[in-house]
Amino acid sequence: MRVALFFDGKNFYSGWKDRAAGRRIRFGRMSDWLVRQTGGASLWGAYYYTGIETGAGLNQEGQKRLASFLHMLELEPGFFVRRFARKSKLLRCKSCGEENRYTHDREMDTQMVADMLRLAATNAFDAMVLISGDGDHAPAVEAVRALGKQAYVATWGGGGLSSRLRQAAFNHLDLIKGMASFEDADGAAASSLPSPVTSPGTPAPATPMTPEDAALVFMDELKRAEHKFQGGYLGLNYFVTRWRSDRLDASPDVRRRLLDRLAAENKVEIYAAPDGTKAIKTKLA
């Protein structure tokens, strides 16, 4: 069963800070845990939606750290980041006259809902997990279920979870209970992040594979990816940088070298897809 994850960045971060006390986590291991909790077999994709400051706000130190974190997250196999300009509004208190600034991310929420429904309607996944407690997403979850897909919701300890959203979801997954599986206790990669949340990638096997075994694993994963994209094409860049597998080295450079080797051995074909992007496929024996 293919599982898709949808992270409401603002809601996820707020719950992590308040309920998980800022404990370091690894996104790769977290996605594995969420897939297992749904009874799924593979991660289709993990989509992280967040608002960012524009103009002068880009130069703020917090935004620089956020940009670094999002870049690291995009290098995590299977993860995709959706950025949206954060819009601010001023409200004046009627009783005291004081002005208060607040931000809203309506465009981000709209796009997240559109992506969930589009991917469900095109049969891209069998089950999804919405990492948010925001009740505004309840109609989208109900619509995904109406399309024949299982829809879960995940939060940090149930904090801020809307009762309507919980009722609409197939089940609630408590991220606090999964901390033992994806907490980054040593915090080795925390220095470049805006917070203690980390995303260092899939750990390499303890015993390095021989070049021959690595090539066999690469071909096996390529065939698995082709099956996933049956009826379409498998993008070269997607497979090299974002295809998620505990069996493959997470480094895009290592994957590209293996791909070039197999292409030279006439086992893999690199070709131009209809939209002009590079695609790959295995060659028949």
C-alpha atoms as a PDB file:
ATOM      1  CA  MET A   1       0.000   0.000   0.000  1.00  0.00           C
ATOM      2  CA  ARG A   2       1.357   3.384  -1.064  1.00  0.00           C
ATOM      3  CA  VAL A   3       1.238   6.149   1.553  1.00  0.00           C
ATOM      4  CA  ALA A   4       1.469   9.914   1.050  1.00  0.00           C
ATOM      5  CA  LEU A   5       2.281  12.371   3.846  1.00  0.00           C
ATOM      6  CA  PHE A   6       1.113  15.985   3.987  1.00  0.00           C
ATOM      7  CA  PHE A   7       2.806  18.236   6.564  1.00  0.00           C
ATOM      8  CA  ASP A   8       1.122  21.474   7.598  1.00  0.00           C
ATOM      9  CA  GLY A   9       4.460  23.093   8.477  1.00  0.00           C
ATOM     10  CA  LYS A  10       3.170  25.756  10.848  1.00  0.00           C
ATOM     11  CA  ASN A  11       0.891  23.380  12.741  1.00  0.00           C
ATOM     12  CA  PHE A  12       3.537  20.642  12.835  1.00  0.00           C
ATOM     13  CA  TYR A  13       6.232  22.990  14.166  1.00  0.00           C
ATOM     14  CA  SER A  14       3.962  24.476  16.818  1.00  0.00           C
ATOM     15  CA  GLY A  15       2.976  21.055  18.140  1.00  0.00           C
ATOM     16  CA  TRP A  16       6.564  19.811  18.097  1.00  0.00           C
ATOM     17  CA  LYS A  17       7.755  22.805  20.097  1.00  0.00           C
ATOM     18  CA  ASP A  18       4.941  22.700  22.647  1.00  0.00           C
ATOM     19  CA  ARG A  19       4.355  18.968  23.051  1.00  0.00           C
ATOM     20  CA  ALA A  20       7.680  17.348  22.127  1.00  0.00           C
ATOM     21  CA  ALA A  21       9.743  19.958  23.994  1.00  0.00           C
ATOM     22  CA  GLY A  22      11.907  20.564  20.934  1.00  0.00           C
ATOM     23  CA  ARG A  23      13.445  17.078  20.937  1.00  0.00           C
ATOM     24  CA  ARG A  24      15.464  16.383  17.800  1.00  0.00           C
ATOM     25  CA  ILE A  25      13.868  14.185  15.161  1.00  0.00           C
ATOM     26  CA  ARG A  26      14.842  12.580  11.861  1.00  0.00           C
ATOM     27  CA  PHE A  27      12.328  13.045   9.098  1.00  0.00           C
ATOM     28  CA  GLY A  28      13.349   9.933   7.210  1.00  0.00           C
ATOM     29  CA  ARG A  29      12.718   7.736  10.218  1.00  0.00           C
ATOM     30  CA  MET A  30       9.525   9.624  11.024  1.00  0.00           C
ATOM     31  CA  SER A  31       8.126   8.935   7.551  1.00  0.00           C
ATOM     32  CA  ASP A  32       9.029   5.248   7.925  1.00  0.00           C
ATOM     33  CA  TRP A  33       7.175   5.139  11.253  1.00  0.00           C
ATOM     34  CA  LEU A  34       4.080   6.833   9.827  1.00  0.00           C
ATOM     35  CA  VAL A  35       3.980   4.451   6.861  1.00  0.00           C
ATOM     36  CA  ARG A  36       4.195   1.473   9.221  1.00  0.00           C
ATOM     37  CA  GLN A  37       1.399   2.821  11.427  1.00  0.00           C
ATOM     38  CA  THR A  38      -0.970   2.863   8.450  1.00  0.00           C
ATOM     39  CA  GLY A  39      -0.049  -0.680   7.462  1.00  0.00           C
ATOM     40  CA  GLY A  40       1.550   0.687   4.316  1.00  0.00           C
ATOM     41  CA  ALA A  41       4.397  -0.818   2.312  1.00  0.00           C
ATOM     42  CA  SER A  42       6.043   2.242   0.751  1.00  0.00           C
ATOM     43  CA  LEU A  43       6.188   6.019   0.890  1.00  0.00           C
ATOM     44  CA  TRP A  44       4.703   7.645  -2.206  1.00  0.00           C
ATOM     45  CA  GLY A  45       5.855  11.128  -1.236  1.00  0.00           C
ATOM     46  CA  ALA A  46       6.053  13.488   1.735  1.00  0.00           C
ATOM     47  CA  TYR A  47       4.932  17.064   1.083  1.00  0.00           C
ATOM     48  CA  TYR A  48       5.921  19.831   3.499  1.00  0.00           C
ATOM     49  CA  TYR A  49       3.972  23.112   3.194  1.00  0.00           C
ATOM     50  CA  THR A  50       5.253  26.269   4.843  1.00  0.00           C
ATOM     51  CA  GLY A  51       5.036  30.025   4.648  1.00  0.00           C
ATOM     52  CA  ILE A  52       8.159  32.166   4.228  1.00  0.00           C
ATOM     53  CA  GLU A  53       8.817  35.854   4.676  1.00  0.00           C
ATOM     54  CA  THR A  54       9.349  37.992   1.602  1.00  0.00           C
ATOM     55  CA  GLY A  55      11.192  41.260   0.986  1.00  0.00           C
ATOM     56  CA  ALA A  56      13.186  42.545   3.950  1.00  0.00           C
ATOM     57  CA  GLY A  57      11.995  39.612   6.058  1.00  0.00           C
ATOM     58  CA  LEU A  58      14.197  37.272   4.027  1.00  0.00           C
ATOM     59  CA  ASN A  59      17.289  38.753   5.676  1.00  0.00           C
ATOM     60  CA  GLN A  60      16.166  37.891   9.195  1.00  0.00           C
ATOM     61  CA  GLU A  61      18.308  35.252  10.863  1.00  0.00           C
ATOM     62  CA  GLY A  62      15.329  33.015  11.582  1.00  0.00           C
ATOM     63  CA  GLN A  63      14.340  32.978   7.915  1.00  0.00           C
ATOM     64  CA  LYS A  64      17.894  32.137   6.879  1.00  0.00           C
ATOM     65  CA  ARG A  65      17.888  29.151   9.227  1.00  0.00           C
ATOM     66  CA  LEU A  66      14.478  28.119   7.909  1.00  0.00           C
ATOM     67  CA  ALA A  67      15.760  28.277   4.325  1.00  0.00           C
ATOM     68  CA  SER A  68      18.703  26.069   5.274  1.00  0.00           C
ATOM     69  CA  PHE A  69      16.409  23.576   6.976  1.00  0.00           C
ATOM     70  CA  LEU A  70      14.030  23.426   3.999  1.00  0.00           C
ATOM     71  CA  HIS A  71      16.937  22.852   1.634  1.00  0.00           C
ATOM     72  CA  MET A  72      18.131  19.952   3.775  1.00  0.00           C
ATOM     73  CA  LEU A  73      14.602  18.542   3.900  1.00  0.00           C
ATOM     74  CA  GLU A  74      14.373  18.611   0.099  1.00  0.00           C
ATOM     75  CA  LEU A  75      17.441  16.389  -0.090  1.00  0.00           C
ATOM     76  CA  GLU A  76      15.678  13.756   2.012  1.00  0.00           C
ATOM     77  CA  PRO A  77      14.539  11.016  -0.428  1.00  0.00           C
ATOM     78  CA  GLY A  78      10.824  11.273  -1.097  1.00  0.00           C
ATOM     79  CA  PHE A  79      10.358  14.747   0.450  1.00  0.00           C
ATOM     80  CA  PHE A  80       9.048  17.782  -1.415  1.00  0.00           C
ATOM     81  CA  VAL A  81       8.786  21.316  -0.010  1.00  0.00           C
ATOM     82  CA  ARG A  82       6.063  23.774  -1.016  1.00  0.00           C
ATOM     83  CA  ARG A  83       6.914  27.401  -0.129  1.00  0.00           C
ATOM     84  CA  PHE A  84       4.361  30.203   0.006  1.00  0.00           C
ATOM     85  CA  ALA A  85       4.814  33.907   0.607  1.00  0.00           C
ATOM     86  CA  ARG A  86       3.637  34.748   4.100  1.00  0.00           C
ATOM     87  CA  LYS A  87       1.104  37.586   4.128  1.00  0.00           C
ATOM     88  CA  SER A  88       0.677  39.846   7.144  1.00  0.00           C
ATOM     89  CA  LYS A  89      -2.292  41.937   8.247  1.00  0.00           C
ATOM     90  CA  LEU A  90      -2.750  44.576  10.934  1.00  0.00           C
ATOM     91  CA  LEU A  91      -5.712  44.545  13.288  1.00  0.00           C
ATOM     92  CA  ARG A  92      -6.496  47.431  15.596  1.00  0.00           C
ATOM     93  CA  CYS A  93      -8.005  46.630  19.002  1.00  0.00           C
ATOM     94  CA  LYS A  94     -11.334  48.469  19.311  1.00  0.00           C
ATOM     95  CA  SER A  95     -11.011  48.939  23.061  1.00  0.00           C
ATOM     96  CA  CYS A  96      -7.364  50.038  23.431  1.00  0.00           C
ATOM     97  CA  GLY A  97      -6.434  51.119  19.900  1.00  0.00           C
ATOM     98  CA  GLU A  98      -3.294  48.973  19.853  1.00  0.00           C
ATOM     99  CA  GLU A  99      -2.295  47.466  16.505  1.00  0.00           C
ATOM    100  CA  ASN A 100      -1.479  43.763  16.291  1.00  0.00           C
ATOM    101  CA  ARG A 101       0.112  42.014  13.326  1.00  0.00           C
ATOM    102  CA  TYR A 102      -0.831  38.478  12.363  1.00  0.00           C
ATOM    103  CA  THR A 103      -0.045  36.237   9.425  1.00  0.00           C
ATOM    104  CA  HIS A 104      -2.297  33.946   7.441  1.00  0.00           C
ATOM    105  CA  ASP A 105      -1.444  31.221   4.964  1.00  0.00           C
ATOM    106  CA  ARG A 106      -4.665  30.786   3.024  1.00  0.00           C
ATOM    107  CA  GLU A 107      -2.867  30.136  -0.259  1.00  0.00           C
ATOM    108  CA  MET A 108      -0.791  27.410   1.397  1.00  0.00           C
ATOM    109  CA  ASP A 109      -3.862  25.708   2.854  1.00  0.00           C
ATOM    110  CA  THR A 110      -5.678  25.892  -0.491  1.00  0.00           C
ATOM    111  CA  GLN A 111      -2.754  24.338  -2.347  1.00  0.00           C
ATOM    112  CA  MET A 112      -2.363  21.554   0.203  1.00  0.00           C
ATOM    113  CA  VAL A 113      -6.041  20.644  -0.134  1.00  0.00           C
ATOM    114  CA  ALA A 114      -5.790  20.773  -3.942  1.00  0.00           C
ATOM    115  CA  ASP A 115      -2.765  18.456  -3.911  1.00  0.00           C
ATOM    116  CA  MET A 116      -4.444  15.944  -1.608  1.00  0.00           C
ATOM    117  CA  LEU A 117      -7.549  15.765  -3.776  1.00  0.00           C
ATOM    118  CA  ARG A 118      -5.660  15.711  -7.096  1.00  0.00           C
ATOM    119  CA  LEU A 119      -3.354  12.889  -6.023  1.00  0.00           C
ATOM    120  CA  ALA A 120      -6.232  10.914  -4.510  1.00  0.00           C
ATOM    121  CA  ALA A 121      -8.340  11.340  -7.655  1.00  0.00           C
ATOM    122  CA  THR A 122      -5.485  10.154  -9.893  1.00  0.00           C
ATOM    123  CA  ASN A 123      -4.878   7.079  -7.686  1.00  0.00           C
ATOM    124  CA  ALA A 124      -1.375   8.216  -6.775  1.00  0.00           C
ATOM    125  CA  PHE A 125      -1.649   6.768  -3.247  1.00  0.00           C
ATOM    126  CA  ASP A 126      -3.735   4.271  -1.299  1.00  0.00           C
ATOM    127  CA  ALA A 127      -3.607   6.046   2.068  1.00  0.00           C
ATOM    128  CA  MET A 128      -2.549   9.453   3.295  1.00  0.00           C
ATOM    129  CA  VAL A 129      -1.516  11.000   6.592  1.00  0.00           C
ATOM    130  CA  LEU A 130      -2.249  14.652   7.285  1.00  0.00           C
ATOM    131  CA  ILE A 131       0.151  15.955   9.909  1.00  0.00           C
ATOM    132  CA  SER A 132      -2.017  18.702  11.343  1.00  0.00           C
ATOM    133  CA  GLY A 133      -4.821  19.196  13.832  1.00  0.00           C
ATOM    134  CA  ASP A 134      -6.440  22.116  12.002  1.00  0.00           C
ATOM    135  CA  GLY A 135     -10.198  21.592  11.682  1.00  0.00           C
ATOM    136  CA  ASP A 136     -10.249  23.577   8.424  1.00  0.00           C
ATOM    137  CA  HIS A 137      -8.841  20.483   6.715  1.00  0.00           C
ATOM    138  CA  ALA A 138     -11.748  18.237   7.759  1.00  0.00           C
ATOM    139  CA  PRO A 139     -13.706  18.724   4.482  1.00  0.00           C
ATOM    140  CA  ALA A 140     -10.609  17.752   2.479  1.00  0.00           C
ATOM    141  CA  VAL A 141     -10.118  14.594   4.546  1.00  0.00           C
ATOM    142  CA  GLU A 142     -13.783  13.705   4.046  1.00  0.00           C
ATOM    143  CA  ALA A 143     -13.376  14.242   0.284  1.00  0.00           C
ATOM    144  CA  VAL A 144     -10.286  11.998   0.160  1.00  0.00           C
ATOM    145  CA  ARG A 145     -12.249   9.266   1.936  1.00  0.00           C
ATOM    146  CA  ALA A 146     -15.094   9.722  -0.553  1.00  0.00           C
ATOM    147  CA  LEU A 147     -12.567   8.960  -3.308  1.00  0.00           C
ATOM    148  CA  GLY A 148     -11.930   5.571  -1.720  1.00  0.00           C
ATOM    149  CA  LYS A 149      -8.691   6.338   0.133  1.00  0.00           C
ATOM    150  CA  GLN A 150      -7.824   5.913   3.795  1.00  0.00           C
ATOM    151  CA  ALA A 151      -7.054   9.243   5.447  1.00  0.00           C
ATOM    152  CA  TYR A 152      -5.216   9.420   8.773  1.00  0.00           C
ATOM    153  CA  VAL A 153      -4.375  12.431  10.891  1.00  0.00           C
ATOM    154  CA  ALA A 154      -1.226  12.780  13.019  1.00  0.00           C
ATOM    155  CA  THR A 155      -0.439  15.266  15.798  1.00  0.00           C
ATOM    156  CA  TRP A 156       1.877  15.662  18.765  1.00  0.00           C
ATOM    157  CA  GLY A 157      -0.054  14.046  21.597  1.00  0.00           C
ATOM    158  CA  GLY A 158      -3.413  15.162  20.269  1.00  0.00           C
ATOM    159  CA  GLY A 159      -2.679  18.797  21.095  1.00  0.00           C
ATOM    160  CA  GLY A 160      -4.836  21.189  19.075  1.00  0.00           C
ATOM    161  CA  LEU A 161      -6.609  18.346  17.282  1.00  0.00           C
ATOM    162  CA  SER A 162     -10.009  19.424  16.001  1.00  0.00           C
ATOM    163  CA  SER A 163     -12.815  17.045  16.969  1.00  0.00           C
ATOM    164  CA  ARG A 164     -14.310  17.314  13.476  1.00  0.00           C
ATOM    165  CA  LEU A 165     -10.969  16.453  11.864  1.00  0.00           C
ATOM    166  CA  ARG A 166     -10.542  13.457  14.179  1.00  0.00           C
ATOM    167  CA  GLN A 167     -14.038  12.230  13.322  1.00  0.00           C
ATOM    168  CA  ALA A 168     -13.331  12.593   9.604  1.00  0.00           C
ATOM    169  CA  ALA A 169     -10.047  10.641   9.772  1.00  0.00           C
ATOM    170  CA  PHE A 170      -9.681   6.859   9.654  1.00  0.00           C
ATOM    171  CA  ASN A 171      -7.525   7.040  12.784  1.00  0.00           C
ATOM    172  CA  HIS A 172      -5.296   9.362  14.788  1.00  0.00           C
ATOM    173  CA  LEU A 173      -1.535   8.729  14.986  1.00  0.00           C
ATOM    174  CA  ASP A 174       0.269  10.144  18.020  1.00  0.00           C
ATOM    175  CA  LEU A 175       3.752  11.325  17.043  1.00  0.00           C
ATOM    176  CA  ILE A 176       4.810  11.381  20.691  1.00  0.00           C
ATOM    177  CA  LYS A 177       4.438   7.594  20.765  1.00  0.00           C
ATOM    178  CA  GLY A 178       6.776   7.286  17.800  1.00  0.00           C
ATOM    179  CA  MET A 179       9.617   9.346  19.250  1.00  0.00           C
ATOM    180  CA  ALA A 180      11.552   6.227  20.234  1.00  0.00           C
ATOM    181  CA  SER A 181      11.675   5.304  16.539  1.00  0.00           C
ATOM    182  CA  PHE A 182      12.704   8.632  15.030  1.00  0.00           C
ATOM    183  CA  GLU A 183      14.288  10.782  17.750  1.00  0.00           C
ATOM    184  CA  ASP A 184      17.820  11.963  16.900  1.00  0.00           C
ATOM    185  CA  ALA A 185      19.417  11.537  20.309  1.00  0.00           C
ATOM    186  CA  ASP A 186      22.943  12.526  19.284  1.00  0.00           C
ATOM    187  CA  GLY A 187      21.878  15.593  17.278  1.00  0.00           C
ATOM    188  CA  ALA A 188      24.805  15.186  14.919  1.00  0.00           C
ATOM    189  CA  ALA A 189      23.285  17.302  12.157  1.00  0.00           C
ATOM    190  CA  ALA A 190      21.601  19.981  14.235  1.00  0.00           C
ATOM    191  CA  SER A 191      24.061  22.829  13.709  1.00  0.00           C
ATOM    192  CA  SER A 192      22.696  23.958  10.329  1.00  0.00           C
ATOM    193  CA  LEU A 193      19.010  23.856  11.264  1.00  0.00           C
ATOM    194  CA  PRO A 194      16.621  26.544  12.560  1.00  0.00           C
ATOM    195  CA  SER A 195      15.694  24.241  15.435  1.00  0.00           C
ATOM    196  CA  PRO A 196      16.708  20.844  16.834  1.00  0.00           C
ATOM    197  CA  VAL A 197      14.658  19.095  14.113  1.00  0.00           C
ATOM    198  CA  THR A 198      17.005  17.176  11.816  1.00  0.00           C
ATOM    199  CA  SER A 199      16.825  15.408   8.490  1.00  0.00           C
ATOM    200  CA  PRO A 200      20.169  13.696   7.879  1.00  0.00           C
ATOM    201  CA  GLY A 201      18.932  11.100   5.403  1.00  0.00           C
ATOM    202  CA  THR A 202      18.727   7.332   5.424  1.00  0.00           C
ATOM    203  CA  PRO A 203      21.586   5.745   7.359  1.00  0.00           C
ATOM    204  CA  ALA A 204      24.080   3.785   5.297  1.00  0.00           C
ATOM    205  CA  PRO A 205      24.262   0.004   5.840  1.00  0.00           C
ATOM    206  CA  ALA A 206      26.754  -1.069   8.470  1.00  0.00           C
ATOM    207  CA  THR A 207      28.548  -3.325   5.953  1.00  0.00           C
ATOM    208  CA  PRO A 208      29.245  -1.648   2.579  1.00  0.00           C
ATOM    209  CA  MET A 209      27.958  -3.567  -0.436  1.00  0.00           C
ATOM    210  CA  THR A 210      30.229  -4.720  -3.223  1.00  0.00           C
ATOM    211  CA  PRO A 211      29.875  -2.800  -6.533  1.00  0.00           C
ATOM    212  CA  GLU A 212      28.125  -5.834  -8.031  1.00  0.00           C
ATOM    213  CA  ASP A 213      25.596  -6.051  -5.196  1.00  0.00           C
ATOM    214  CA  ALA A 214      25.017  -2.276  -5.314  1.00  0.00           C
ATOM    215  CA  ALA A 215      24.264  -2.533  -9.043  1.00  0.00           C
ATOM    216  CA  LEU A 216      21.792  -5.381  -8.452  1.00  0.00           C
ATOM    217  CA  VAL A 217      20.017  -3.419  -5.719  1.00  0.00           C
ATOM    218  CA  PHE A 218      19.916  -0.336  -7.952  1.00  0.00           C
ATOM    219  CA  MET A 219      18.288  -2.314 -10.786  1.00  0.00           C
ATOM    220  CA  ASP A 220      15.797  -3.882  -8.394  1.00  0.00           C
ATOM    221  CA  GLU A 221      14.791  -0.484  -7.008  1.00  0.00           C
ATOM    222  CA  LEU A 222      14.585   0.945 -10.523  1.00  0.00           C
ATOM    223  CA  LYS A 223      12.136  -1.794 -11.507  1.00  0.00           C
ATOM    224  CA  ARG A 224      10.108  -1.092  -8.359  1.00  0.00           C
ATOM    225  CA  ALA A 225       9.990   2.599  -9.249  1.00  0.00           C
ATOM    226  CA  GLU A 226       8.949   1.787 -12.818  1.00  0.00           C
ATOM    227  CA  HIS A 227       6.065  -0.260 -11.465  1.00  0.00           C
ATOM    228  CA  LYS A 228       5.008   2.673  -9.311  1.00  0.00           C
ATOM    229  CA  PHE A 229       4.994   4.991 -12.328  1.00  0.00           C
ATOM    230  CA  GLN A 230       3.352   2.431 -14.608  1.00  0.00           C
ATOM    231  CA  GLY A 231       1.596   4.275 -17.426  1.00  0.00           C
ATOM    232  CA  GLY A 232       3.924   7.268 -17.147  1.00  0.00           C
ATOM    233  CA  TYR A 233       7.655   7.839 -17.075  1.00  0.00           C
ATOM    234  CA  LEU A 234      10.247   7.733 -14.305  1.00  0.00           C
ATOM    235  CA  GLY A 235      12.170  11.001 -14.059  1.00  0.00           C
ATOM    236  CA  LEU A 236      15.936  10.658 -13.791  1.00  0.00           C
ATOM    237  CA  ASN A 237      16.269  13.486 -11.287  1.00  0.00           C
ATOM    238  CA  TYR A 238      13.427  12.122  -9.158  1.00  0.00           C
ATOM    239  CA  PHE A 239      14.981   8.669  -8.889  1.00  0.00           C
ATOM    240  CA  VAL A 240      18.481   9.999  -8.214  1.00  0.00           C
ATOM    241  CA  THR A 241      17.528  12.603  -5.615  1.00  0.00           C
ATOM    242  CA  ARG A 242      14.136  11.665  -4.173  1.00  0.00           C
ATOM    243  CA  TRP A 243      13.332   7.977  -4.594  1.00  0.00           C
ATOM    244  CA  ARG A 244      13.132   6.662  -1.047  1.00  0.00           C
ATOM    245  CA  SER A 245      14.739   3.315  -0.238  1.00  0.00           C
ATOM    246  CA  ASP A 246      16.601   1.953   2.774  1.00  0.00           C
ATOM    247  CA  ARG A 247      18.518  -0.308   0.378  1.00  0.00           C
ATOM    248  CA  LEU A 248      20.025   2.465  -1.751  1.00  0.00           C
ATOM    249  CA  ASP A 249      22.681   4.953  -0.716  1.00  0.00           C
ATOM    250  CA  ALA A 250      20.914   8.264  -0.004  1.00  0.00           C
ATOM    251  CA  SER A 251      23.641  10.282  -1.762  1.00  0.00           C
ATOM    252  CA  PRO A 252      22.536  11.573  -5.209  1.00  0.00           C
ATOM    253  CA  ASP A 253      26.186  11.499  -6.351  1.00  0.00           C
ATOM    254  CA  VAL A 254      26.501   7.792  -5.522  1.00  0.00           C
ATOM    255  CA  ARG A 255      23.217   7.005  -7.268  1.00  0.00           C
ATOM    256  CA  ARG A 256      24.193   8.994 -10.361  1.00  0.00           C
ATOM    257  CA  ARG A 257      27.521   7.167 -10.651  1.00  0.00           C
ATOM    258  CA  LEU A 258      25.710   3.831 -10.457  1.00  0.00           C
ATOM    259  CA  LEU A 259      23.212   5.003 -13.062  1.00  0.00           C
ATOM    260  CA  ASP A 260      25.955   6.120 -15.456  1.00  0.00           C
ATOM    261  CA  ARG A 261      27.722   2.793 -15.025  1.00  0.00           C
ATOM    262  CA  LEU A 262      24.580   0.773 -15.762  1.00  0.00           C
ATOM    263  CA  ALA A 263      23.754   2.977 -18.736  1.00  0.00           C
ATOM    264  CA  ALA A 264      27.262   2.351 -20.121  1.00  0.00           C
ATOM    265  CA  GLU A 265      26.661  -1.380 -19.654  1.00  0.00           C
ATOM    266  CA  ASN A 266      23.443  -1.010 -21.683  1.00  0.00           C
ATOM    267  CA  LYS A 267      21.273  -2.136 -18.752  1.00  0.00           C
ATOM    268  CA  VAL A 268      19.530   1.212 -18.272  1.00  0.00           C
ATOM    269  CA  GLU A 269      18.274   3.636 -20.901  1.00  0.00           C
ATOM    270  CA  ILE A 270      18.316   7.410 -20.403  1.00  0.00           C
ATOM    271  CA  TYR A 271      15.898   9.175 -22.745  1.00  0.00           C
ATOM    272  CA  ALA A 272      13.926  12.401 -23.204  1.00  0.00           C
ATOM    273  CA  ALA A 273      10.358  12.301 -21.868  1.00  0.00           C
ATOM    274  CA  PRO A 274       7.540  14.040 -23.802  1.00  0.00           C
ATOM    275  CA  ASP A 275       7.906  17.177 -21.669  1.00  0.00           C
ATOM    276  CA  GLY A 276      11.639  17.371 -22.380  1.00  0.00           C
ATOM    277  CA  THR A 277      12.899  16.133 -19.009  1.00  0.00           C
ATOM    278  CA  LYS A 278      15.315  13.226 -18.723  1.00  0.00           C
ATOM    279  CA  ALA A 279      13.761   9.881 -17.863  1.00  0.00           C
ATOM    280  CA  ILE A 280      15.158   6.413 -17.216  1.00  0.00           C
ATOM    281  CA  LYS A 281      14.024   2.826 -17.664  1.00  0.00           C
ATOM    282  CA  THR A 282      15.470  -0.641 -17.479  1.00  0.00           C
ATOM    283  CA  LYS A 283      16.347  -2.379 -20.732  1.00  0.00           C
ATOM    284  CA  LEU A 284      14.889  -5.759 -21.531  1.00  0.00           C
ATOM    285  CA  ALA A 285      17.394  -8.600 -21.324  1.00  0.00           C
END
